[in-house]
Amino acid sequence: MTRLTQKVSIITGAAQGIGLATALKFAAEGAIVVVCDVKQAAVDAAVAQCEALGAQAAGFVMDVTQREMVDAVVASVMERFGRVDVLVNNAGITQDARLQKMTLEQFDKVIDVNLRGVFHCTQAVVDIMVAQGSGAILNASSVVGIYGNFGQTNYAATKFGVIGFTKTWSRELGPKGIRVNAVAPGFVATPILGTIPDKVIAEMEHRVPLKRLGRPEEIANVYAFLASDEASYVNGAVLEVAGGMTV
């Protein structure tokens, strides 16, 4: 028996990087995977990859900052599958700049996607999960959301904020049978690092006791565990998956 058999799982930002790795891991574990991202072609490709693993999958173009769009997707999922078992709030962006140089647009854009988007998606599914008496909500934080990072005022604020969401919702929703946890990845080799020079990547690797970047699959494995019944007593946790870089 696979760990997530027939669990209807909505994953945001699921067309690349950690989100895609999570969608594929969930597919391999037997979940019904709902791929949400902003580009149709990428969504279609991710759905095809999930189906190639034998999973039932559906794809939606969804911008997490647009509440009407989020509500419409959740309504479609309910119409098609009748329940929502897992929400992975993975969608996120960066717009880095030092405090003195950061524009209001850069600040607002990151807050809108990384913080408000998590609020939108979770609020859109929570009544469904409460009515079911079960559910798992998984939020993407970051080690930056615990320790801060140079040039990431906006990003760090959102990832700290997501931990606040996680702690609060685990208290509010735990009595309803819903578990809420966060994952805090360290440096992971994803397209988001594509603009970073090799020298900086080498420095990042040197800071990690395991002496390498994480792989998206290694974060996906943790999401799969937290979504599964194996983690039935894990609630309100923030799990660092960072190769020991913060030790």
C-alpha atoms as a PDB file:
ATOM      1  CA  MET A   1       0.000   0.000   0.000  1.00  0.00           C
ATOM      2  CA  THR A   2       1.393   3.384  -0.957  1.00  0.00           C
ATOM      3  CA  ARG A   3       1.394   6.110   1.673  1.00  0.00           C
ATOM      4  CA  LEU A   4      -0.963   8.617   0.055  1.00  0.00           C
ATOM      5  CA  THR A   5      -3.422   6.326  -1.718  1.00  0.00           C
ATOM      6  CA  GLN A   6      -6.368   8.322  -3.083  1.00  0.00           C
ATOM      7  CA  LYS A   7      -5.555  11.393  -0.979  1.00  0.00           C
ATOM      8  CA  VAL A   8      -6.719  14.415  -2.990  1.00  0.00           C
ATOM      9  CA  SER A   9      -3.705  16.734  -2.825  1.00  0.00           C
ATOM     10  CA  ILE A  10      -3.611  20.332  -4.067  1.00  0.00           C
ATOM     11  CA  ILE A  11      -0.056  21.525  -4.691  1.00  0.00           C
ATOM     12  CA  THR A  12       0.635  25.154  -5.586  1.00  0.00           C
ATOM     13  CA  GLY A  13       3.659  26.130  -7.670  1.00  0.00           C
ATOM     14  CA  ALA A  14       3.667  22.505  -8.788  1.00  0.00           C
ATOM     15  CA  ALA A  15       5.087  22.890 -12.299  1.00  0.00           C
ATOM     16  CA  GLN A  16       8.776  23.267 -11.430  1.00  0.00           C
ATOM     17  CA  GLY A  17      11.391  22.895  -8.721  1.00  0.00           C
ATOM     18  CA  ILE A  18      10.319  21.597  -5.323  1.00  0.00           C
ATOM     19  CA  GLY A  19       6.639  21.812  -6.296  1.00  0.00           C
ATOM     20  CA  LEU A  20       7.073  19.524  -9.301  1.00  0.00           C
ATOM     21  CA  ALA A  21       9.203  17.097  -7.297  1.00  0.00           C
ATOM     22  CA  THR A  22       6.445  17.052  -4.668  1.00  0.00           C
ATOM     23  CA  ALA A  23       3.737  16.432  -7.268  1.00  0.00           C
ATOM     24  CA  LEU A  24       5.717  13.494  -8.691  1.00  0.00           C
ATOM     25  CA  LYS A  25       6.452  12.061  -5.236  1.00  0.00           C
ATOM     26  CA  PHE A  26       2.774  12.294  -4.295  1.00  0.00           C
ATOM     27  CA  ALA A  27       1.846  10.647  -7.597  1.00  0.00           C
ATOM     28  CA  ALA A  28       4.257   7.794  -6.902  1.00  0.00           C
ATOM     29  CA  GLU A  29       2.717   7.416  -3.437  1.00  0.00           C
ATOM     30  CA  GLY A  30      -0.779   6.979  -4.895  1.00  0.00           C
ATOM     31  CA  ALA A  31      -2.239  10.446  -4.351  1.00  0.00           C
ATOM     32  CA  ILE A  32      -4.744  12.158  -6.616  1.00  0.00           C
ATOM     33  CA  VAL A  33      -2.556  15.113  -7.588  1.00  0.00           C
ATOM     34  CA  VAL A  34      -3.981  18.563  -8.329  1.00  0.00           C
ATOM     35  CA  VAL A  35      -1.257  20.586 -10.053  1.00  0.00           C
ATOM     36  CA  CYS A  36      -1.619  24.376  -9.730  1.00  0.00           C
ATOM     37  CA  ASP A  37       0.725  26.908 -11.330  1.00  0.00           C
ATOM     38  CA  VAL A  38       0.613  30.075 -13.421  1.00  0.00           C
ATOM     39  CA  LYS A  39       1.555  28.734 -16.888  1.00  0.00           C
ATOM     40  CA  GLN A  40      -0.720  26.380 -18.815  1.00  0.00           C
ATOM     41  CA  ALA A  41       2.019  24.545 -20.737  1.00  0.00           C
ATOM     42  CA  ALA A  42       4.000  23.849 -17.565  1.00  0.00           C
ATOM     43  CA  VAL A  43       0.856  22.674 -15.756  1.00  0.00           C
ATOM     44  CA  ASP A  44       0.004  20.315 -18.624  1.00  0.00           C
ATOM     45  CA  ALA A  45       3.542  18.889 -18.632  1.00  0.00           C
ATOM     46  CA  ALA A  46       3.461  18.278 -14.876  1.00  0.00           C
ATOM     47  CA  VAL A  47       0.066  16.556 -15.098  1.00  0.00           C
ATOM     48  CA  ALA A  48       1.392  14.294 -17.875  1.00  0.00           C
ATOM     49  CA  GLN A  49       4.394  13.346 -15.716  1.00  0.00           C
ATOM     50  CA  CYS A  50       2.119  12.489 -12.789  1.00  0.00           C
ATOM     51  CA  GLU A  51      -0.137  10.392 -15.026  1.00  0.00           C
ATOM     52  CA  ALA A  52       2.910   8.590 -16.420  1.00  0.00           C
ATOM     53  CA  LEU A  53       3.519   7.357 -12.865  1.00  0.00           C
ATOM     54  CA  GLY A  54       0.020   5.857 -12.850  1.00  0.00           C
ATOM     55  CA  ALA A  55      -1.590   8.578 -10.795  1.00  0.00           C
ATOM     56  CA  GLN A  56      -4.880  10.341 -11.304  1.00  0.00           C
ATOM     57  CA  ALA A  57      -4.068  14.020 -11.833  1.00  0.00           C
ATOM     58  CA  ALA A  58      -5.722  17.315 -12.730  1.00  0.00           C
ATOM     59  CA  GLY A  59      -4.164  20.643 -13.624  1.00  0.00           C
ATOM     60  CA  PHE A  60      -5.272  24.237 -13.120  1.00  0.00           C
ATOM     61  CA  VAL A  61      -3.784  27.581 -14.035  1.00  0.00           C
ATOM     62  CA  MET A  62      -3.970  29.421 -10.740  1.00  0.00           C
ATOM     63  CA  ASP A  63      -2.456  32.633  -9.412  1.00  0.00           C
ATOM     64  CA  VAL A  64      -2.475  32.348  -5.614  1.00  0.00           C
ATOM     65  CA  THR A  65      -2.824  36.127  -5.281  1.00  0.00           C
ATOM     66  CA  GLN A  66      -6.214  36.056  -7.018  1.00  0.00           C
ATOM     67  CA  ARG A  67      -8.787  34.842  -4.482  1.00  0.00           C
ATOM     68  CA  GLU A  68     -11.560  34.332  -7.048  1.00  0.00           C
ATOM     69  CA  MET A  69      -9.246  32.082  -9.061  1.00  0.00           C
ATOM     70  CA  VAL A  70      -8.282  30.081  -5.960  1.00  0.00           C
ATOM     71  CA  ASP A  71     -11.918  29.632  -4.934  1.00  0.00           C
ATOM     72  CA  ALA A  72     -12.839  28.525  -8.472  1.00  0.00           C
ATOM     73  CA  VAL A  73     -10.088  25.889  -8.499  1.00  0.00           C
ATOM     74  CA  VAL A  74     -11.146  24.508  -5.112  1.00  0.00           C
ATOM     75  CA  ALA A  75     -14.772  24.379  -6.302  1.00  0.00           C
ATOM     76  CA  SER A  76     -13.676  22.444  -9.397  1.00  0.00           C
ATOM     77  CA  VAL A  77     -11.653  20.016  -7.284  1.00  0.00           C
ATOM     78  CA  MET A  78     -14.659  19.410  -5.035  1.00  0.00           C
ATOM     79  CA  GLU A  79     -16.944  18.900  -8.016  1.00  0.00           C
ATOM     80  CA  ARG A  80     -14.568  16.375  -9.541  1.00  0.00           C
ATOM     81  CA  PHE A  81     -13.165  14.548  -6.503  1.00  0.00           C
ATOM     82  CA  GLY A  82     -15.515  15.392  -3.623  1.00  0.00           C
ATOM     83  CA  ARG A  83     -12.861  16.148  -1.017  1.00  0.00           C
ATOM     84  CA  VAL A  84      -9.514  17.809  -0.272  1.00  0.00           C
ATOM     85  CA  ASP A  85      -7.131  15.825   1.909  1.00  0.00           C
ATOM     86  CA  VAL A  86      -3.868  17.722   1.513  1.00  0.00           C
ATOM     87  CA  LEU A  87      -2.868  21.282   0.644  1.00  0.00           C
ATOM     88  CA  VAL A  88       0.796  22.002  -0.068  1.00  0.00           C
ATOM     89  CA  ASN A  89       1.333  25.775  -0.061  1.00  0.00           C
ATOM     90  CA  ASN A  90       4.518  25.670  -2.124  1.00  0.00           C
ATOM     91  CA  ALA A  91       4.137  28.627  -4.534  1.00  0.00           C
ATOM     92  CA  GLY A  92       6.680  31.349  -3.872  1.00  0.00           C
ATOM     93  CA  ILE A  93       8.873  33.982  -5.476  1.00  0.00           C
ATOM     94  CA  THR A  94      11.917  36.070  -4.656  1.00  0.00           C
ATOM     95  CA  GLN A  95      12.618  39.746  -5.430  1.00  0.00           C
ATOM     96  CA  ASP A  96      15.906  40.326  -3.638  1.00  0.00           C
ATOM     97  CA  ALA A  97      17.445  43.665  -2.701  1.00  0.00           C
ATOM     98  CA  ARG A  98      19.093  45.220   0.330  1.00  0.00           C
ATOM     99  CA  LEU A  99      16.753  47.201   2.577  1.00  0.00           C
ATOM    100  CA  GLN A 100      18.060  50.539   1.303  1.00  0.00           C
ATOM    101  CA  LYS A 101      17.503  49.549  -2.325  1.00  0.00           C
ATOM    102  CA  MET A 102      14.265  47.534  -2.111  1.00  0.00           C
ATOM    103  CA  THR A 103      11.325  49.048  -3.976  1.00  0.00           C
ATOM    104  CA  LEU A 104       7.774  48.998  -2.677  1.00  0.00           C
ATOM    105  CA  GLU A 105       6.865  46.938  -5.734  1.00  0.00           C
ATOM    106  CA  GLN A 106       9.465  44.294  -4.854  1.00  0.00           C
ATOM    107  CA  PHE A 107       8.245  44.220  -1.263  1.00  0.00           C
ATOM    108  CA  ASP A 108       4.559  44.014  -2.131  1.00  0.00           C
ATOM    109  CA  LYS A 109       4.946  41.370  -4.841  1.00  0.00           C
ATOM    110  CA  VAL A 110       6.714  38.907  -2.532  1.00  0.00           C
ATOM    111  CA  ILE A 111       4.285  39.534   0.344  1.00  0.00           C
ATOM    112  CA  ASP A 112       1.376  39.037  -2.051  1.00  0.00           C
ATOM    113  CA  VAL A 113       2.501  35.648  -3.361  1.00  0.00           C
ATOM    114  CA  ASN A 114       4.356  34.132  -0.403  1.00  0.00           C
ATOM    115  CA  LEU A 115       2.143  35.274   2.459  1.00  0.00           C
ATOM    116  CA  ARG A 116      -1.240  36.422   1.196  1.00  0.00           C
ATOM    117  CA  GLY A 117      -1.279  33.517  -1.296  1.00  0.00           C
ATOM    118  CA  VAL A 118      -0.839  30.986   1.506  1.00  0.00           C
ATOM    119  CA  PHE A 119      -3.698  32.644   3.396  1.00  0.00           C
ATOM    120  CA  HIS A 120      -5.961  32.566   0.314  1.00  0.00           C
ATOM    121  CA  CYS A 121      -5.352  28.907  -0.478  1.00  0.00           C
ATOM    122  CA  THR A 122      -5.697  27.717   3.097  1.00  0.00           C
ATOM    123  CA  GLN A 123      -8.856  29.696   3.765  1.00  0.00           C
ATOM    124  CA  ALA A 124     -10.322  28.313   0.525  1.00  0.00           C
ATOM    125  CA  VAL A 125      -9.951  24.676   1.682  1.00  0.00           C
ATOM    126  CA  VAL A 126     -10.288  24.889   5.454  1.00  0.00           C
ATOM    127  CA  ASP A 127     -14.093  24.612   5.687  1.00  0.00           C
ATOM    128  CA  ILE A 128     -13.950  21.501   3.516  1.00  0.00           C
ATOM    129  CA  MET A 129     -11.349  19.889   5.770  1.00  0.00           C
ATOM    130  CA  VAL A 130     -13.284  20.843   8.915  1.00  0.00           C
ATOM    131  CA  ALA A 131     -16.437  19.252   7.469  1.00  0.00           C
ATOM    132  CA  GLN A 132     -14.433  16.091   6.673  1.00  0.00           C
ATOM    133  CA  GLY A 133     -12.867  16.062  10.133  1.00  0.00           C
ATOM    134  CA  SER A 134      -9.459  15.506   8.554  1.00  0.00           C
ATOM    135  CA  GLY A 135      -6.777  17.132   6.453  1.00  0.00           C
ATOM    136  CA  ALA A 136      -3.115  18.089   6.247  1.00  0.00           C
ATOM    137  CA  ILE A 137      -1.916  21.599   5.438  1.00  0.00           C
ATOM    138  CA  LEU A 138       1.766  21.919   4.570  1.00  0.00           C
ATOM    139  CA  ASN A 139       3.434  25.311   4.278  1.00  0.00           C
ATOM    140  CA  ALA A 140       6.717  26.150   2.555  1.00  0.00           C
ATOM    141  CA  SER A 141       8.863  28.194   4.897  1.00  0.00           C
ATOM    142  CA  SER A 142      12.666  28.372   4.608  1.00  0.00           C
ATOM    143  CA  VAL A 143      15.739  28.489   6.810  1.00  0.00           C
ATOM    144  CA  VAL A 144      15.649  32.169   5.785  1.00  0.00           C
ATOM    145  CA  GLY A 145      12.356  32.297   7.688  1.00  0.00           C
ATOM    146  CA  ILE A 146      14.158  31.240  10.863  1.00  0.00           C
ATOM    147  CA  TYR A 147      17.533  32.958  10.619  1.00  0.00           C
ATOM    148  CA  GLY A 148      17.041  35.759   8.078  1.00  0.00           C
ATOM    149  CA  ASN A 149      19.272  36.388   5.069  1.00  0.00           C
ATOM    150  CA  PHE A 150      21.139  39.314   3.557  1.00  0.00           C
ATOM    151  CA  GLY A 151      19.150  41.022   0.797  1.00  0.00           C
ATOM    152  CA  GLN A 152      15.890  39.227   1.557  1.00  0.00           C
ATOM    153  CA  THR A 153      13.862  41.555   3.787  1.00  0.00           C
ATOM    154  CA  ASN A 154      10.645  40.708   1.936  1.00  0.00           C
ATOM    155  CA  TYR A 155      11.271  36.978   1.498  1.00  0.00           C
ATOM    156  CA  ALA A 156      12.412  36.480   5.100  1.00  0.00           C
ATOM    157  CA  ALA A 157       9.349  38.327   6.371  1.00  0.00           C
ATOM    158  CA  THR A 158       7.041  36.043   4.406  1.00  0.00           C
ATOM    159  CA  LYS A 159       8.797  32.877   5.516  1.00  0.00           C
ATOM    160  CA  PHE A 160       8.759  34.008   9.165  1.00  0.00           C
ATOM    161  CA  GLY A 161       5.074  34.814   8.617  1.00  0.00           C
ATOM    162  CA  VAL A 162       4.323  31.361   7.248  1.00  0.00           C
ATOM    163  CA  ILE A 163       5.729  29.889  10.466  1.00  0.00           C
ATOM    164  CA  GLY A 164       3.322  32.155  12.365  1.00  0.00           C
ATOM    165  CA  PHE A 165       0.468  30.836  10.233  1.00  0.00           C
ATOM    166  CA  THR A 166       1.582  27.264  10.910  1.00  0.00           C
ATOM    167  CA  LYS A 167       1.761  27.664  14.680  1.00  0.00           C
ATOM    168  CA  THR A 168      -1.586  29.486  14.844  1.00  0.00           C
ATOM    169  CA  TRP A 169      -3.495  27.169  12.507  1.00  0.00           C
ATOM    170  CA  SER A 170      -2.160  24.060  14.229  1.00  0.00           C
ATOM    171  CA  ARG A 171      -3.789  25.340  17.442  1.00  0.00           C
ATOM    172  CA  GLU A 172      -7.036  26.373  15.754  1.00  0.00           C
ATOM    173  CA  LEU A 173      -7.443  23.342  13.496  1.00  0.00           C
ATOM    174  CA  GLY A 174      -5.865  20.533  15.497  1.00  0.00           C
ATOM    175  CA  PRO A 175      -9.089  19.984  17.470  1.00  0.00           C
ATOM    176  CA  LYS A 176     -10.884  19.594  14.116  1.00  0.00           C
ATOM    177  CA  GLY A 177      -8.615  16.749  13.012  1.00  0.00           C
ATOM    178  CA  ILE A 178      -6.461  18.890  10.735  1.00  0.00           C
ATOM    179  CA  ARG A 179      -2.671  18.894  11.031  1.00  0.00           C
ATOM    180  CA  VAL A 180      -0.674  21.960   9.963  1.00  0.00           C
ATOM    181  CA  ASN A 181       3.101  21.810   9.517  1.00  0.00           C
ATOM    182  CA  ALA A 182       5.853  23.729   7.760  1.00  0.00           C
ATOM    183  CA  VAL A 183       8.981  22.647   5.941  1.00  0.00           C
ATOM    184  CA  ALA A 184      12.038  24.913   6.020  1.00  0.00           C
ATOM    185  CA  PRO A 185      14.396  23.956   3.191  1.00  0.00           C
ATOM    186  CA  GLY A 186      17.971  25.161   3.045  1.00  0.00           C
ATOM    187  CA  PHE A 187      19.840  25.658  -0.220  1.00  0.00           C
ATOM    188  CA  VAL A 188      18.136  23.496  -2.847  1.00  0.00           C
ATOM    189  CA  ALA A 189      19.184  23.086  -6.488  1.00  0.00           C
ATOM    190  CA  THR A 190      16.129  24.492  -8.299  1.00  0.00           C
ATOM    191  CA  PRO A 191      15.566  26.923 -11.204  1.00  0.00           C
ATOM    192  CA  ILE A 192      15.331  29.745  -8.630  1.00  0.00           C
ATOM    193  CA  LEU A 193      19.153  29.459  -8.278  1.00  0.00           C
ATOM    194  CA  GLY A 194      19.710  29.750 -12.031  1.00  0.00           C
ATOM    195  CA  THR A 195      20.901  33.358 -11.837  1.00  0.00           C
ATOM    196  CA  ILE A 196      23.428  32.739  -9.058  1.00  0.00           C
ATOM    197  CA  PRO A 197      27.130  32.578 -10.092  1.00  0.00           C
ATOM    198  CA  ASP A 198      29.021  29.273  -9.696  1.00  0.00           C
ATOM    199  CA  LYS A 199      31.353  30.858  -7.138  1.00  0.00           C
ATOM    200  CA  VAL A 200      28.419  31.741  -4.882  1.00  0.00           C
ATOM    201  CA  ILE A 201      26.954  28.237  -5.304  1.00  0.00           C
ATOM    202  CA  ALA A 202      30.324  26.788  -4.216  1.00  0.00           C
ATOM    203  CA  GLU A 203      30.268  29.037  -1.134  1.00  0.00           C
ATOM    204  CA  MET A 204      26.733  27.869  -0.340  1.00  0.00           C
ATOM    205  CA  GLU A 205      27.821  24.229  -0.583  1.00  0.00           C
ATOM    206  CA  HIS A 206      30.780  24.911   1.697  1.00  0.00           C
ATOM    207  CA  ARG A 207      28.452  26.268   4.421  1.00  0.00           C
ATOM    208  CA  VAL A 208      26.505  22.995   4.559  1.00  0.00           C
ATOM    209  CA  PRO A 209      27.991  20.134   6.630  1.00  0.00           C
ATOM    210  CA  LEU A 210      26.847  17.686   3.943  1.00  0.00           C
ATOM    211  CA  LYS A 211      28.870  19.782   1.454  1.00  0.00           C
ATOM    212  CA  ARG A 212      26.226  19.921  -1.236  1.00  0.00           C
ATOM    213  CA  LEU A 213      22.958  21.554  -2.145  1.00  0.00           C
ATOM    214  CA  GLY A 214      19.713  19.732  -1.457  1.00  0.00           C
ATOM    215  CA  ARG A 215      17.759  18.074  -4.236  1.00  0.00           C
ATOM    216  CA  PRO A 216      14.079  18.937  -4.781  1.00  0.00           C
ATOM    217  CA  GLU A 217      13.239  15.250  -4.232  1.00  0.00           C
ATOM    218  CA  GLU A 218      14.680  15.447  -0.720  1.00  0.00           C
ATOM    219  CA  ILE A 219      12.203  18.179   0.201  1.00  0.00           C
ATOM    220  CA  ALA A 220       9.368  16.316  -1.543  1.00  0.00           C
ATOM    221  CA  ASN A 221      10.092  13.226   0.574  1.00  0.00           C
ATOM    222  CA  VAL A 222       9.490  15.251   3.736  1.00  0.00           C
ATOM    223  CA  TYR A 223       6.230  16.695   2.381  1.00  0.00           C
ATOM    224  CA  ALA A 224       5.077  13.157   1.555  1.00  0.00           C
ATOM    225  CA  PHE A 225       5.839  11.996   5.093  1.00  0.00           C
ATOM    226  CA  LEU A 226       4.012  14.964   6.657  1.00  0.00           C
ATOM    227  CA  ALA A 227       0.990  14.424   4.398  1.00  0.00           C
ATOM    228  CA  SER A 228       0.791  10.743   5.269  1.00  0.00           C
ATOM    229  CA  ASP A 229      -0.764   8.952   8.220  1.00  0.00           C
ATOM    230  CA  GLU A 230       2.781   8.142   9.366  1.00  0.00           C
ATOM    231  CA  ALA A 231       2.917  11.747  10.618  1.00  0.00           C
ATOM    232  CA  SER A 232      -0.450  11.481  12.393  1.00  0.00           C
ATOM    233  CA  TYR A 233       0.901  13.054  15.611  1.00  0.00           C
ATOM    234  CA  VAL A 234       3.046  15.736  13.959  1.00  0.00           C
ATOM    235  CA  ASN A 235       1.276  19.109  14.246  1.00  0.00           C
ATOM    236  CA  GLY A 236       2.622  22.657  14.422  1.00  0.00           C
ATOM    237  CA  ALA A 237       6.138  21.546  13.509  1.00  0.00           C
ATOM    238  CA  VAL A 238       8.684  23.432  11.429  1.00  0.00           C
ATOM    239  CA  LEU A 239      10.973  20.815   9.936  1.00  0.00           C
ATOM    240  CA  GLU A 240      14.348  22.044   8.716  1.00  0.00           C
ATOM    241  CA  VAL A 241      15.600  20.156   5.665  1.00  0.00           C
ATOM    242  CA  ALA A 242      18.905  21.913   5.217  1.00  0.00           C
ATOM    243  CA  GLY A 243      21.748  19.411   5.406  1.00  0.00           C
ATOM    244  CA  GLY A 244      22.744  20.806   8.792  1.00  0.00           C
ATOM    245  CA  MET A 245      23.620  24.297   7.490  1.00  0.00           C
ATOM    246  CA  THR A 246      22.183  25.955  10.609  1.00  0.00           C
ATOM    247  CA  VAL A 247      23.968  23.757  13.134  1.00  0.00           C
END
